[in-house]
Amino acid sequence: MNRTDRLYALVEELRAISPRCRSAADLAARFEVSVRTIERDIAALQQSGVPIYPQPGRRGGYVLDKAMSLPPLNFTPAEAVAIAVALGSAGGRPFARHARTALRKVVAAMPGGDGERARELAARVRLFDQAEADDAAASADVARVIEDALQHRRVLRLGYRDGKGAVTTRDVEPGVFLGGRGGFWYLVGYCRLREDVRVFRLDRITAAALTGERCPERAPEEFTTDLPDMVLRNPALD
């Protein structure tokens, strides 16, 4: 059994007995490998987001949180590569890091050798980089801070460069992300400097930091009613 198949089988073994646990020694005997190999495999699965936890005690071992895991996914190798291609353009866009962890979970949960076949197919696909690496990294850092601000409802402190090149510091109550228009992403929020709702293009944000202040409650619709020239829709989750 190759490592990819063993990782998949490990998850299924723990899923089948959840909420009971299985010791590393038992798993090593089951898959005819060393205990150290099982420990490395479990660590790799944990890093990819699989909810496996150590259970202490004389009869302890590893347990999988069945409520937080997926059953086997019937993605074909081509479907997995299609997802990777779609996510490959995420770059410094919002939630790019979450896109990568989601893809790793999809591949790890694919049955049998399909995950390895997906990797072989992906090796035959090439994507053009659409931004300089430094710019993409900077955009990713900004997007990550804004993600946290939106999730935890925190006021942002932004350095922002306008169309004429002037940089100002703004305290902003984040409202919504806008994406896709001309390939750019935008943050719409209440700007305390201008005392009104403003639209900030992500590639013009020179710095972003969370403050400790919680945002006042505002409905998302309050931030988008003045944007009639944009086609607005929510991302499809079903």
C-alpha atoms as a PDB file:
ATOM      1  CA  MET A   1       0.000   0.000   0.000  1.00  0.00           C
ATOM      2  CA  ASN A   2       1.464   3.390  -0.991  1.00  0.00           C
ATOM      3  CA  ARG A   3       1.409   6.357   1.381  1.00  0.00           C
ATOM      4  CA  THR A   4      -1.520   8.120  -0.296  1.00  0.00           C
ATOM      5  CA  ASP A   5      -3.702   5.016  -0.002  1.00  0.00           C
ATOM      6  CA  ARG A   6      -2.557   4.492   3.588  1.00  0.00           C
ATOM      7  CA  LEU A   7      -3.475   8.066   4.586  1.00  0.00           C
ATOM      8  CA  TYR A   8      -6.940   7.585   3.149  1.00  0.00           C
ATOM      9  CA  ALA A   9      -7.283   4.189   4.861  1.00  0.00           C
ATOM     10  CA  LEU A  10      -6.135   5.656   8.181  1.00  0.00           C
ATOM     11  CA  VAL A  11      -8.901   8.247   8.085  1.00  0.00           C
ATOM     12  CA  GLU A  12     -11.484   5.608   7.226  1.00  0.00           C
ATOM     13  CA  GLU A  13     -10.221   3.277   9.980  1.00  0.00           C
ATOM     14  CA  LEU A  14     -10.588   6.024  12.597  1.00  0.00           C
ATOM     15  CA  ARG A  15     -13.914   7.168  11.160  1.00  0.00           C
ATOM     16  CA  ALA A  16     -15.340   3.656  11.412  1.00  0.00           C
ATOM     17  CA  ILE A  17     -14.649   3.359  15.155  1.00  0.00           C
ATOM     18  CA  SER A  18     -15.280   7.007  16.162  1.00  0.00           C
ATOM     19  CA  PRO A  19     -15.787   8.151  18.925  1.00  0.00           C
ATOM     20  CA  ARG A  20     -13.534   5.310  20.152  1.00  0.00           C
ATOM     21  CA  CYS A  21      -9.788   5.648  19.632  1.00  0.00           C
ATOM     22  CA  ARG A  22      -7.073   3.434  18.170  1.00  0.00           C
ATOM     23  CA  SER A  23      -3.477   3.323  19.433  1.00  0.00           C
ATOM     24  CA  ALA A  24      -0.488   3.990  17.182  1.00  0.00           C
ATOM     25  CA  ALA A  25       0.707   0.428  17.853  1.00  0.00           C
ATOM     26  CA  ASP A  26      -2.636  -1.046  16.723  1.00  0.00           C
ATOM     27  CA  LEU A  27      -2.628   1.108  13.591  1.00  0.00           C
ATOM     28  CA  ALA A  28       0.967   0.136  12.849  1.00  0.00           C
ATOM     29  CA  ALA A  29       0.072  -3.558  13.069  1.00  0.00           C
ATOM     30  CA  ARG A  30      -3.041  -3.000  10.936  1.00  0.00           C
ATOM     31  CA  PHE A  31      -1.092  -1.330   8.116  1.00  0.00           C
ATOM     32  CA  GLU A  32       2.142  -3.315   8.572  1.00  0.00           C
ATOM     33  CA  VAL A  33       4.354  -0.272   9.141  1.00  0.00           C
ATOM     34  CA  SER A  34       6.281   1.119  12.107  1.00  0.00           C
ATOM     35  CA  VAL A  35       4.725   3.148  14.906  1.00  0.00           C
ATOM     36  CA  ARG A  36       6.941   6.069  13.832  1.00  0.00           C
ATOM     37  CA  THR A  37       5.455   5.893  10.314  1.00  0.00           C
ATOM     38  CA  ILE A  38       1.931   6.016  11.739  1.00  0.00           C
ATOM     39  CA  GLU A  39       2.851   9.032  13.879  1.00  0.00           C
ATOM     40  CA  ARG A  40       4.227  10.842  10.809  1.00  0.00           C
ATOM     41  CA  ASP A  41       1.089   9.973   8.826  1.00  0.00           C
ATOM     42  CA  ILE A  42      -1.186  11.243  11.600  1.00  0.00           C
ATOM     43  CA  ALA A  43       0.824  14.483  11.819  1.00  0.00           C
ATOM     44  CA  ALA A  44       0.490  14.990   8.045  1.00  0.00           C
ATOM     45  CA  LEU A  45      -3.279  14.463   8.222  1.00  0.00           C
ATOM     46  CA  GLN A  46      -3.592  16.876  11.143  1.00  0.00           C
ATOM     47  CA  GLN A  47      -1.615  19.537   9.252  1.00  0.00           C
ATOM     48  CA  SER A  48      -3.974  19.176   6.287  1.00  0.00           C
ATOM     49  CA  GLY A  49      -6.946  19.868   8.558  1.00  0.00           C
ATOM     50  CA  VAL A  50      -8.252  16.354   9.290  1.00  0.00           C
ATOM     51  CA  PRO A  51      -9.751  16.485  12.833  1.00  0.00           C
ATOM     52  CA  ILE A  52      -7.671  13.729  14.479  1.00  0.00           C
ATOM     53  CA  TYR A  53      -6.798  14.209  18.143  1.00  0.00           C
ATOM     54  CA  PRO A  54      -4.607  12.288  20.619  1.00  0.00           C
ATOM     55  CA  GLN A  55      -6.477  10.642  23.500  1.00  0.00           C
ATOM     56  CA  PRO A  56      -4.269  10.355  26.615  1.00  0.00           C
ATOM     57  CA  GLY A  57      -4.273   7.446  29.045  1.00  0.00           C
ATOM     58  CA  ARG A  58      -3.230   3.799  29.227  1.00  0.00           C
ATOM     59  CA  ARG A  59      -5.883   2.879  26.658  1.00  0.00           C
ATOM     60  CA  GLY A  60      -5.504   6.064  24.692  1.00  0.00           C
ATOM     61  CA  GLY A  61      -4.615   6.599  21.090  1.00  0.00           C
ATOM     62  CA  TYR A  62      -5.948   8.651  18.201  1.00  0.00           C
ATOM     63  CA  VAL A  63      -9.585   9.609  17.724  1.00  0.00           C
ATOM     64  CA  LEU A  64     -11.296  11.247  14.753  1.00  0.00           C
ATOM     65  CA  ASP A  65     -14.049  13.799  15.336  1.00  0.00           C
ATOM     66  CA  LYS A  66     -16.673  12.192  13.137  1.00  0.00           C
ATOM     67  CA  ALA A  67     -18.919  15.264  13.211  1.00  0.00           C
ATOM     68  CA  MET A  68     -16.125  17.398  11.751  1.00  0.00           C
ATOM     69  CA  SER A  69     -15.012  15.048   8.979  1.00  0.00           C
ATOM     70  CA  LEU A  70     -16.253  14.238   5.516  1.00  0.00           C
ATOM     71  CA  PRO A  71     -17.279  10.844   4.199  1.00  0.00           C
ATOM     72  CA  PRO A  72     -15.394   9.609   1.101  1.00  0.00           C
ATOM     73  CA  LEU A  73     -15.752  12.159  -1.705  1.00  0.00           C
ATOM     74  CA  ASN A  74     -16.460  10.914  -5.185  1.00  0.00           C
ATOM     75  CA  PHE A  75     -14.417  13.544  -7.026  1.00  0.00           C
ATOM     76  CA  THR A  76     -12.687  12.255 -10.132  1.00  0.00           C
ATOM     77  CA  PRO A  77      -9.018  13.203 -10.681  1.00  0.00           C
ATOM     78  CA  ALA A  78     -10.151  15.604 -13.434  1.00  0.00           C
ATOM     79  CA  GLU A  79     -12.678  17.260 -11.091  1.00  0.00           C
ATOM     80  CA  ALA A  80     -10.001  17.713  -8.416  1.00  0.00           C
ATOM     81  CA  VAL A  81      -7.659  19.322 -10.964  1.00  0.00           C
ATOM     82  CA  ALA A  82     -10.512  21.577 -12.161  1.00  0.00           C
ATOM     83  CA  ILE A  83     -10.941  22.788  -8.559  1.00  0.00           C
ATOM     84  CA  ALA A  84      -7.169  23.352  -8.304  1.00  0.00           C
ATOM     85  CA  VAL A  85      -7.164  25.375 -11.538  1.00  0.00           C
ATOM     86  CA  ALA A  86     -10.062  27.532 -10.306  1.00  0.00           C
ATOM     87  CA  LEU A  87      -8.323  28.114  -6.981  1.00  0.00           C
ATOM     88  CA  GLY A  88      -4.986  28.715  -8.673  1.00  0.00           C
ATOM     89  CA  SER A  89      -6.081  32.209  -9.638  1.00  0.00           C
ATOM     90  CA  ALA A  90      -6.825  33.098  -6.005  1.00  0.00           C
ATOM     91  CA  GLY A  91      -3.317  34.476  -5.431  1.00  0.00           C
ATOM     92  CA  GLY A  92      -3.545  37.353  -2.987  1.00  0.00           C
ATOM     93  CA  ARG A  93      -7.332  37.424  -3.038  1.00  0.00           C
ATOM     94  CA  PRO A  94      -9.464  37.079   0.079  1.00  0.00           C
ATOM     95  CA  PHE A  95      -9.668  33.591   1.604  1.00  0.00           C
ATOM     96  CA  ALA A  96      -6.835  32.277  -0.624  1.00  0.00           C
ATOM     97  CA  ARG A  97      -5.210  30.401   2.281  1.00  0.00           C
ATOM     98  CA  HIS A  98      -8.548  28.763   3.129  1.00  0.00           C
ATOM     99  CA  ALA A  99      -8.902  27.730  -0.511  1.00  0.00           C
ATOM    100  CA  ARG A 100      -5.575  25.882  -0.287  1.00  0.00           C
ATOM    101  CA  THR A 101      -6.467  24.029   2.911  1.00  0.00           C
ATOM    102  CA  ALA A 102      -9.878  23.103   1.460  1.00  0.00           C
ATOM    103  CA  LEU A 103      -8.214  21.639  -1.631  1.00  0.00           C
ATOM    104  CA  ARG A 104      -5.799  19.598   0.500  1.00  0.00           C
ATOM    105  CA  LYS A 105      -8.765  18.158   2.409  1.00  0.00           C
ATOM    106  CA  VAL A 106     -10.519  17.242  -0.847  1.00  0.00           C
ATOM    107  CA  VAL A 107      -7.463  15.412  -2.181  1.00  0.00           C
ATOM    108  CA  ALA A 108      -6.789  13.662   1.155  1.00  0.00           C
ATOM    109  CA  ALA A 109     -10.383  12.377   1.250  1.00  0.00           C
ATOM    110  CA  MET A 110     -10.407  11.012  -2.319  1.00  0.00           C
ATOM    111  CA  PRO A 111     -10.806   7.228  -2.437  1.00  0.00           C
ATOM    112  CA  GLY A 112      -8.106   4.760  -3.423  1.00  0.00           C
ATOM    113  CA  GLY A 113      -5.413   5.997  -5.797  1.00  0.00           C
ATOM    114  CA  ASP A 114      -7.515   8.835  -7.182  1.00  0.00           C
ATOM    115  CA  GLY A 115      -5.558  11.395  -5.176  1.00  0.00           C
ATOM    116  CA  GLU A 116      -2.277  10.289  -6.724  1.00  0.00           C
ATOM    117  CA  ARG A 117      -3.808  10.266 -10.203  1.00  0.00           C
ATOM    118  CA  ALA A 118      -5.064  13.790  -9.585  1.00  0.00           C
ATOM    119  CA  ARG A 119      -1.521  14.886  -8.682  1.00  0.00           C
ATOM    120  CA  GLU A 120      -0.157  13.262 -11.852  1.00  0.00           C
ATOM    121  CA  LEU A 121      -2.758  15.090 -13.959  1.00  0.00           C
ATOM    122  CA  ALA A 122      -2.100  18.390 -12.175  1.00  0.00           C
ATOM    123  CA  ALA A 123       1.614  18.067 -13.048  1.00  0.00           C
ATOM    124  CA  ARG A 124       0.593  18.406 -16.710  1.00  0.00           C
ATOM    125  CA  VAL A 125      -1.201  21.725 -16.172  1.00  0.00           C
ATOM    126  CA  ARG A 126       0.572  25.089 -16.075  1.00  0.00           C
ATOM    127  CA  LEU A 127      -0.846  28.442 -14.958  1.00  0.00           C
ATOM    128  CA  PHE A 128       0.504  31.881 -15.812  1.00  0.00           C
ATOM    129  CA  ASP A 129       1.367  34.033 -12.788  1.00  0.00           C
ATOM    130  CA  GLN A 130      -0.814  37.158 -13.020  1.00  0.00           C
ATOM    131  CA  ALA A 131       1.100  39.239 -10.490  1.00  0.00           C
ATOM    132  CA  GLU A 132       4.642  39.719  -9.261  1.00  0.00           C
ATOM    133  CA  ALA A 133       5.431  37.478  -6.301  1.00  0.00           C
ATOM    134  CA  ASP A 134       6.137  40.385  -3.932  1.00  0.00           C
ATOM    135  CA  ASP A 135       2.890  42.132  -4.897  1.00  0.00           C
ATOM    136  CA  ALA A 136       0.920  38.902  -4.476  1.00  0.00           C
ATOM    137  CA  ALA A 137       2.450  38.306  -1.031  1.00  0.00           C
ATOM    138  CA  ALA A 138       1.633  41.855   0.054  1.00  0.00           C
ATOM    139  CA  SER A 139      -1.950  41.517  -1.197  1.00  0.00           C
ATOM    140  CA  ALA A 140      -2.281  38.188   0.619  1.00  0.00           C
ATOM    141  CA  ASP A 141      -1.152  39.776   3.898  1.00  0.00           C
ATOM    142  CA  VAL A 142      -3.685  42.597   3.519  1.00  0.00           C
ATOM    143  CA  ALA A 143      -6.456  40.188   2.549  1.00  0.00           C
ATOM    144  CA  ARG A 144      -5.683  38.002   5.575  1.00  0.00           C
ATOM    145  CA  VAL A 145      -6.055  40.928   7.991  1.00  0.00           C
ATOM    146  CA  ILE A 146      -9.335  41.982   6.364  1.00  0.00           C
ATOM    147  CA  GLU A 147     -10.648  38.403   6.533  1.00  0.00           C
ATOM    148  CA  ASP A 148      -9.972  38.399  10.277  1.00  0.00           C
ATOM    149  CA  ALA A 149     -11.637  41.796  10.666  1.00  0.00           C
ATOM    150  CA  LEU A 150     -14.774  40.612   8.863  1.00  0.00           C
ATOM    151  CA  GLN A 151     -14.946  37.329  10.770  1.00  0.00           C
ATOM    152  CA  HIS A 152     -14.358  38.856  14.208  1.00  0.00           C
ATOM    153  CA  ARG A 153     -16.082  42.202  13.532  1.00  0.00           C
ATOM    154  CA  ARG A 154     -13.077  44.394  14.335  1.00  0.00           C
ATOM    155  CA  VAL A 155     -12.287  47.929  13.198  1.00  0.00           C
ATOM    156  CA  LEU A 156      -9.374  48.145  10.731  1.00  0.00           C
ATOM    157  CA  ARG A 157      -6.598  50.705  10.517  1.00  0.00           C
ATOM    158  CA  LEU A 158      -5.615  51.065   6.866  1.00  0.00           C
ATOM    159  CA  GLY A 159      -2.924  52.891   4.972  1.00  0.00           C
ATOM    160  CA  TYR A 160      -4.562  53.751   1.644  1.00  0.00           C
ATOM    161  CA  ARG A 161      -3.146  55.205  -1.570  1.00  0.00           C
ATOM    162  CA  ASP A 162      -5.731  57.006  -3.706  1.00  0.00           C
ATOM    163  CA  GLY A 163      -5.740  57.295  -7.501  1.00  0.00           C
ATOM    164  CA  LYS A 164      -3.420  60.330  -7.336  1.00  0.00           C
ATOM    165  CA  GLY A 165      -0.869  58.522  -5.174  1.00  0.00           C
ATOM    166  CA  ALA A 166      -1.641  60.293  -1.877  1.00  0.00           C
ATOM    167  CA  VAL A 167      -1.524  57.990   1.166  1.00  0.00           C
ATOM    168  CA  THR A 168      -3.804  58.495   4.156  1.00  0.00           C
ATOM    169  CA  THR A 169      -4.420  56.518   7.336  1.00  0.00           C
ATOM    170  CA  ARG A 170      -8.050  55.482   7.865  1.00  0.00           C
ATOM    171  CA  ASP A 171      -9.950  53.721  10.629  1.00  0.00           C
ATOM    172  CA  VAL A 172     -12.524  51.633   8.769  1.00  0.00           C
ATOM    173  CA  GLU A 173     -15.474  49.538   9.890  1.00  0.00           C
ATOM    174  CA  PRO A 174     -15.339  46.666   7.354  1.00  0.00           C
ATOM    175  CA  GLY A 175     -18.589  45.829   5.607  1.00  0.00           C
ATOM    176  CA  VAL A 176     -18.281  43.545   2.594  1.00  0.00           C
ATOM    177  CA  PHE A 177     -15.742  42.263   0.083  1.00  0.00           C
ATOM    178  CA  LEU A 178     -16.449  42.912  -3.586  1.00  0.00           C
ATOM    179  CA  GLY A 179     -14.705  40.673  -6.072  1.00  0.00           C
ATOM    180  CA  GLY A 180     -14.340  40.025  -9.746  1.00  0.00           C
ATOM    181  CA  ARG A 181     -14.816  43.487 -11.263  1.00  0.00           C
ATOM    182  CA  GLY A 182     -11.882  44.018 -13.653  1.00  0.00           C
ATOM    183  CA  GLY A 183      -9.956  41.334 -11.782  1.00  0.00           C
ATOM    184  CA  PHE A 184      -9.720  43.542  -8.686  1.00  0.00           C
ATOM    185  CA  TRP A 185     -11.014  43.003  -5.158  1.00  0.00           C
ATOM    186  CA  TYR A 186     -12.477  45.779  -3.049  1.00  0.00           C
ATOM    187  CA  LEU A 187     -13.315  46.338   0.593  1.00  0.00           C
ATOM    188  CA  VAL A 188     -16.445  48.377   1.252  1.00  0.00           C
ATOM    189  CA  GLY A 189     -16.543  49.892   4.720  1.00  0.00           C
ATOM    190  CA  TYR A 190     -17.474  52.890   6.797  1.00  0.00           C
ATOM    191  CA  CYS A 191     -14.512  55.281   6.731  1.00  0.00           C
ATOM    192  CA  ARG A 192     -14.300  57.298   9.937  1.00  0.00           C
ATOM    193  CA  LEU A 193     -11.996  59.817   8.280  1.00  0.00           C
ATOM    194  CA  ARG A 194     -14.584  60.632   5.591  1.00  0.00           C
ATOM    195  CA  GLU A 195     -17.561  59.817   7.854  1.00  0.00           C
ATOM    196  CA  ASP A 196     -19.211  57.848   5.078  1.00  0.00           C
ATOM    197  CA  VAL A 197     -19.130  54.502   3.277  1.00  0.00           C
ATOM    198  CA  ARG A 198     -16.106  54.201   0.992  1.00  0.00           C
ATOM    199  CA  VAL A 199     -14.761  51.587  -1.448  1.00  0.00           C
ATOM    200  CA  PHE A 200     -11.087  50.579  -1.039  1.00  0.00           C
ATOM    201  CA  ARG A 201      -9.263  48.689  -3.783  1.00  0.00           C
ATOM    202  CA  LEU A 202      -7.122  45.996  -2.184  1.00  0.00           C
ATOM    203  CA  ASP A 203      -4.026  46.645  -4.288  1.00  0.00           C
ATOM    204  CA  ARG A 204      -4.051  50.280  -3.068  1.00  0.00           C
ATOM    205  CA  ILE A 205      -4.080  49.331   0.609  1.00  0.00           C
ATOM    206  CA  THR A 206      -0.493  49.863   1.749  1.00  0.00           C
ATOM    207  CA  ALA A 207      -0.968  48.548   5.294  1.00  0.00           C
ATOM    208  CA  ALA A 208      -3.725  46.879   7.305  1.00  0.00           C
ATOM    209  CA  ALA A 209      -3.963  46.121  11.018  1.00  0.00           C
ATOM    210  CA  LEU A 210      -6.685  45.075  13.420  1.00  0.00           C
ATOM    211  CA  THR A 211      -7.595  47.391  16.258  1.00  0.00           C
ATOM    212  CA  GLY A 212      -9.028  46.077  19.487  1.00  0.00           C
ATOM    213  CA  GLU A 213     -12.339  47.836  18.864  1.00  0.00           C
ATOM    214  CA  ARG A 214     -15.422  45.863  17.895  1.00  0.00           C
ATOM    215  CA  CYS A 215     -17.455  47.219  14.965  1.00  0.00           C
ATOM    216  CA  PRO A 216     -20.961  48.579  15.445  1.00  0.00           C
ATOM    217  CA  GLU A 217     -23.547  46.215  13.998  1.00  0.00           C
ATOM    218  CA  ARG A 218     -24.430  47.121  10.400  1.00  0.00           C
ATOM    219  CA  ALA A 219     -26.305  44.980   7.861  1.00  0.00           C
ATOM    220  CA  PRO A 220     -24.315  44.122   4.693  1.00  0.00           C
ATOM    221  CA  GLU A 221     -26.976  45.911   2.637  1.00  0.00           C
ATOM    222  CA  GLU A 222     -25.965  49.216   4.230  1.00  0.00           C
ATOM    223  CA  PHE A 223     -22.645  49.021   2.403  1.00  0.00           C
ATOM    224  CA  THR A 224     -23.872  48.141  -1.103  1.00  0.00           C
ATOM    225  CA  THR A 225     -26.917  50.309  -1.776  1.00  0.00           C
ATOM    226  CA  ASP A 226     -24.785  53.057  -3.368  1.00  0.00           C
ATOM    227  CA  LEU A 227     -23.065  50.763  -5.872  1.00  0.00           C
ATOM    228  CA  PRO A 228     -25.612  50.574  -8.729  1.00  0.00           C
ATOM    229  CA  ASP A 229     -23.003  50.069 -11.464  1.00  0.00           C
ATOM    230  CA  MET A 230     -21.736  46.836  -9.971  1.00  0.00           C
ATOM    231  CA  VAL A 231     -23.325  43.430 -10.408  1.00  0.00           C
ATOM    232  CA  LEU A 232     -23.494  42.065  -6.882  1.00  0.00           C
ATOM    233  CA  ARG A 233     -24.068  38.481  -5.852  1.00  0.00           C
ATOM    234  CA  ASN A 234     -23.061  36.228  -2.982  1.00  0.00           C
ATOM    235  CA  PRO A 235     -20.743  33.267  -3.512  1.00  0.00           C
ATOM    236  CA  ALA A 236     -22.699  30.045  -4.068  1.00  0.00           C
ATOM    237  CA  LEU A 237     -22.270  27.575  -1.203  1.00  0.00           C
ATOM    238  CA  ASP A 238     -24.831  25.005  -2.356  1.00  0.00           C
END
